Protein backbone atom coordinates (compact mmCIF):
# COMPACT_ATOMS: atom_id res chain seq x y z
CA MET A 1 123.04 98.27 140.56
CA ASP A 2 120.16 95.79 140.81
CA LYS A 3 120.88 93.31 143.65
CA LYS A 4 120.39 90.22 141.48
CA LEU A 5 122.78 91.58 138.87
CA LEU A 6 125.24 92.59 141.60
CA ILE A 7 125.25 89.02 142.94
CA LEU A 8 125.85 87.58 139.46
CA GLU A 9 128.65 90.02 138.62
CA THR A 10 130.32 89.42 141.99
CA ALA A 11 130.03 85.64 141.67
CA LEU A 12 131.43 85.77 138.13
CA LYS A 13 134.46 87.72 139.31
CA LEU A 14 135.11 85.37 142.23
CA PHE A 15 134.55 82.17 140.21
CA ASN A 16 136.97 83.39 137.54
CA GLN A 17 139.59 84.30 140.15
CA HIS A 18 139.33 81.32 142.49
CA GLY A 19 137.13 78.64 140.90
CA THR A 20 133.66 77.61 142.01
CA LYS A 21 134.83 75.07 144.59
CA ALA A 22 136.67 77.66 146.69
CA ILE A 23 133.80 80.17 146.67
CA SER A 24 130.70 79.88 148.84
CA THR A 25 127.52 81.96 148.87
CA ASN A 26 128.88 83.66 152.00
CA HIS A 27 132.00 84.74 150.07
CA ILE A 28 129.77 86.15 147.32
CA ALA A 29 127.50 88.00 149.76
CA LYS A 30 130.46 89.49 151.64
CA GLU A 31 132.19 90.64 148.44
CA ALA A 32 128.92 92.12 147.16
CA GLY A 33 128.35 93.94 150.45
CA ILE A 34 125.00 92.31 151.15
CA SER A 35 123.70 89.91 153.78
CA PRO A 36 123.53 86.15 153.09
CA GLY A 37 119.75 86.43 153.57
CA ASN A 38 119.57 89.03 150.81
CA LEU A 39 121.50 86.70 148.51
CA TYR A 40 119.19 83.76 149.33
CA TYR A 41 116.19 85.94 148.52
CA HIS A 42 117.42 85.98 144.91
CA PHE A 43 119.21 82.61 144.64
CA LYS A 44 118.52 79.52 146.75
CA ASN A 45 122.12 78.23 146.50
CA LYS A 46 125.41 78.47 144.63
CA GLU A 47 124.18 76.09 141.92
CA ALA A 48 121.33 78.50 141.13
CA ILE A 49 123.86 81.32 140.71
CA ILE A 50 126.01 79.19 138.38
CA TYR A 51 122.94 78.22 136.35
CA ALA A 52 121.86 81.89 136.06
CA LEU A 53 125.37 82.82 134.90
CA TYR A 54 125.24 80.07 132.27
CA LEU A 55 121.91 81.39 130.95
CA GLN A 56 123.30 84.93 130.96
CA MET A 57 126.37 83.79 128.98
CA GLN A 58 124.25 81.94 126.43
CA GLU A 59 122.01 84.97 125.99
CA GLU A 60 125.04 87.20 125.37
CA ILE A 61 126.40 84.75 122.78
CA GLY A 62 123.00 84.50 121.06
CA PHE A 63 124.17 81.53 119.02
CA GLU A 64 120.77 80.05 118.22
CA GLU A 65 119.25 83.39 117.23
CA ALA A 66 122.26 84.63 115.26
CA PRO A 67 121.81 84.31 111.47
CA LEU A 68 124.39 82.33 109.54
CA PRO A 69 127.34 84.55 108.53
CA ILE A 70 127.03 85.86 104.98
CA SER A 71 130.82 86.04 104.55
CA LEU A 72 134.01 84.63 106.02
CA CYS A 73 134.85 88.04 107.48
CA GLU A 74 131.52 87.98 109.30
CA LEU A 75 132.27 84.47 110.55
CA LYS A 76 135.71 85.55 111.77
CA ASN A 77 134.24 88.57 113.55
CA TYR A 78 131.53 86.46 115.19
CA CYS A 79 134.13 83.91 116.39
CA GLU A 80 136.13 86.75 117.94
CA TYR A 81 133.01 88.13 119.60
CA VAL A 82 132.11 84.72 121.08
CA ALA A 83 135.70 84.23 122.29
CA THR A 84 135.52 87.50 124.26
CA ILE A 85 132.37 86.26 126.00
CA TRP A 86 133.96 82.89 126.74
CA TRP A 87 136.86 84.75 128.31
CA ARG A 88 134.44 86.80 130.43
CA TYR A 89 132.85 83.56 131.70
CA ARG A 90 136.08 81.57 131.63
CA PHE A 91 135.36 79.50 134.74
CA PHE A 92 132.80 77.58 132.65
CA ARG A 93 135.41 76.60 130.08
CA LYS A 94 137.69 75.35 132.85
CA GLU A 95 135.11 73.58 135.03
CA LEU A 96 132.16 72.67 132.83
CA MET A 97 132.53 68.87 133.06
CA THR A 98 132.69 69.01 136.86
CA LEU A 99 129.80 71.46 137.07
CA ILE A 100 127.43 69.38 134.97
CA GLU A 101 128.31 66.24 136.94
CA GLY A 102 127.10 68.00 140.09
CA ASP A 103 123.97 69.63 138.67
CA PRO A 104 121.53 67.61 136.52
CA THR A 105 119.54 70.74 135.59
CA LEU A 106 122.65 72.47 134.26
CA ALA A 107 123.73 69.23 132.53
CA GLN A 108 120.42 68.95 130.70
CA LYS A 109 120.62 72.57 129.53
CA VAL A 110 124.27 72.31 128.43
CA ILE A 111 123.65 69.10 126.48
CA SER A 112 120.58 70.60 124.80
CA ASP A 113 122.53 73.74 123.87
CA ASN A 114 125.48 71.76 122.55
CA ARG A 115 123.25 69.62 120.35
CA ALA A 116 121.66 72.79 118.96
CA GLN A 117 125.13 74.27 118.41
CA LYS A 118 126.25 71.15 116.53
CA LYS A 119 123.23 71.41 114.23
CA LYS A 120 123.90 75.10 113.61
CA LEU A 121 127.55 74.37 112.81
CA GLU A 122 126.47 71.69 110.32
CA GLN A 123 124.22 74.28 108.67
CA LEU A 124 127.15 76.70 108.65
CA ILE A 125 129.38 74.22 106.79
CA GLU A 126 126.64 73.62 104.22
CA HIS A 127 126.17 77.38 103.90
CA LEU A 128 129.90 78.09 103.43
CA HIS A 129 130.02 75.45 100.72
CA ALA A 130 126.94 76.83 98.96
CA GLN A 131 128.45 80.35 99.06
CA GLY A 132 131.67 79.11 97.45
CA TYR A 133 133.92 79.58 100.50
CA ILE A 134 134.87 75.93 101.07
CA THR A 135 135.48 73.17 98.54
CA GLU A 136 133.24 70.55 100.16
CA ALA A 137 130.57 70.31 102.83
CA ASN A 138 132.68 68.09 105.09
CA GLN A 139 130.63 67.69 108.25
CA HIS A 140 133.69 66.52 110.16
CA LEU A 141 134.60 70.22 110.20
CA SER A 142 131.60 71.06 112.38
CA PHE A 143 132.81 68.48 114.90
CA LEU A 144 136.36 69.91 114.89
CA ILE A 145 135.09 73.46 115.32
CA MET A 146 132.93 72.32 118.22
CA MET A 147 135.89 70.63 119.90
CA LEU A 148 137.95 73.79 119.53
CA SER A 149 135.20 75.94 120.98
CA GLN A 150 134.61 73.69 123.98
CA PHE A 151 138.17 72.65 124.84
CA TRP A 152 140.52 75.41 123.71
CA MET A 153 141.18 76.73 127.23
CA PRO A 154 141.24 73.32 128.98
CA LEU A 155 143.79 72.12 126.41
CA HIS A 156 146.13 74.96 127.36
CA GLN A 157 145.65 73.99 131.01
CA LEU A 158 146.45 70.33 130.27
CA MET A 159 149.65 71.43 128.53
CA GLY A 160 150.66 73.35 131.65
CA GLU A 161 150.43 76.65 129.80
CA PRO A 162 149.06 79.73 131.56
CA ILE A 163 146.16 81.13 129.58
CA GLU A 164 145.53 84.83 129.50
CA GLU A 165 143.01 86.76 127.46
CA LYS A 166 145.27 86.96 124.39
CA GLU A 167 145.67 83.18 124.21
CA ALA A 168 141.97 82.59 124.88
CA LEU A 169 140.95 84.84 122.00
CA GLU A 170 143.23 82.97 119.60
CA VAL A 171 140.52 80.30 119.30
CA SER A 172 138.95 82.38 116.49
CA GLU A 173 142.19 82.07 114.49
CA ALA A 174 142.24 78.34 115.24
CA VAL A 175 138.74 77.97 113.77
CA ILE A 176 139.84 79.67 110.54
CA MET A 177 142.97 77.48 110.45
CA THR A 178 140.77 74.38 110.76
CA LEU A 179 138.86 75.53 107.68
CA GLN A 180 142.00 76.49 105.76
CA PRO A 181 142.60 73.19 103.84
CA PHE A 182 139.06 73.50 102.47
CA LEU A 183 139.04 77.22 101.64
CA THR A 184 138.58 78.37 98.05
CA GLN A 185 140.46 81.20 96.36
CA LYS A 186 137.42 83.41 96.97
CA ALA A 187 137.71 82.68 100.70
CA PHE A 188 141.45 83.45 100.85
CA GLU A 189 140.95 86.74 99.01
CA GLU A 190 138.16 87.79 101.34
CA LEU A 191 140.07 86.85 104.49
CA HIS A 192 143.04 88.87 103.25
CA HIS A 193 140.84 91.96 103.19
CA CYS A 194 139.05 91.36 106.50
CA LYS A 195 139.40 94.15 109.03
CA GLY A 196 142.31 93.26 111.28
CA ALA A 197 143.45 90.36 109.09
């Protein structure tokens, strides 16, 4: 495996298991079976590794490049796909506020991405309305969906509930439930026939 990729995969595993605060670059190098010098050749510090993991996660999600879903089934499938990636990079969902407070570069990127995501969600609501899936283009829905996506896992933590993969992936169902009061008959019929519904 490429050394840079090895460092990122090792760091991701350790951050998910122990949190970023408990893990140093020396821990990552030791777990990866490389020297600290080799690690510093690729990443100048732990913050650079975290930033690279954030970019890698965003690339895997592909939110900005992804076309708007043409159906509710497609939306549901995309939500499930994104939830699996969030689970893979779950330390971000748990620690993001702390991480951006300590790294202005990461903060700037996260804020920029979130603003773009909010705009895309607003377009999605307009699109679902135009396609006859929801009864009105209520832009408050985009805000609610964004809150769910950002704080689903931290909310479980704040309730003292252990969160495993199954619970983390339930965010996709929560998104559909948020839309439910606005869904048309066409939407309900389609969701009934979705694969896995």
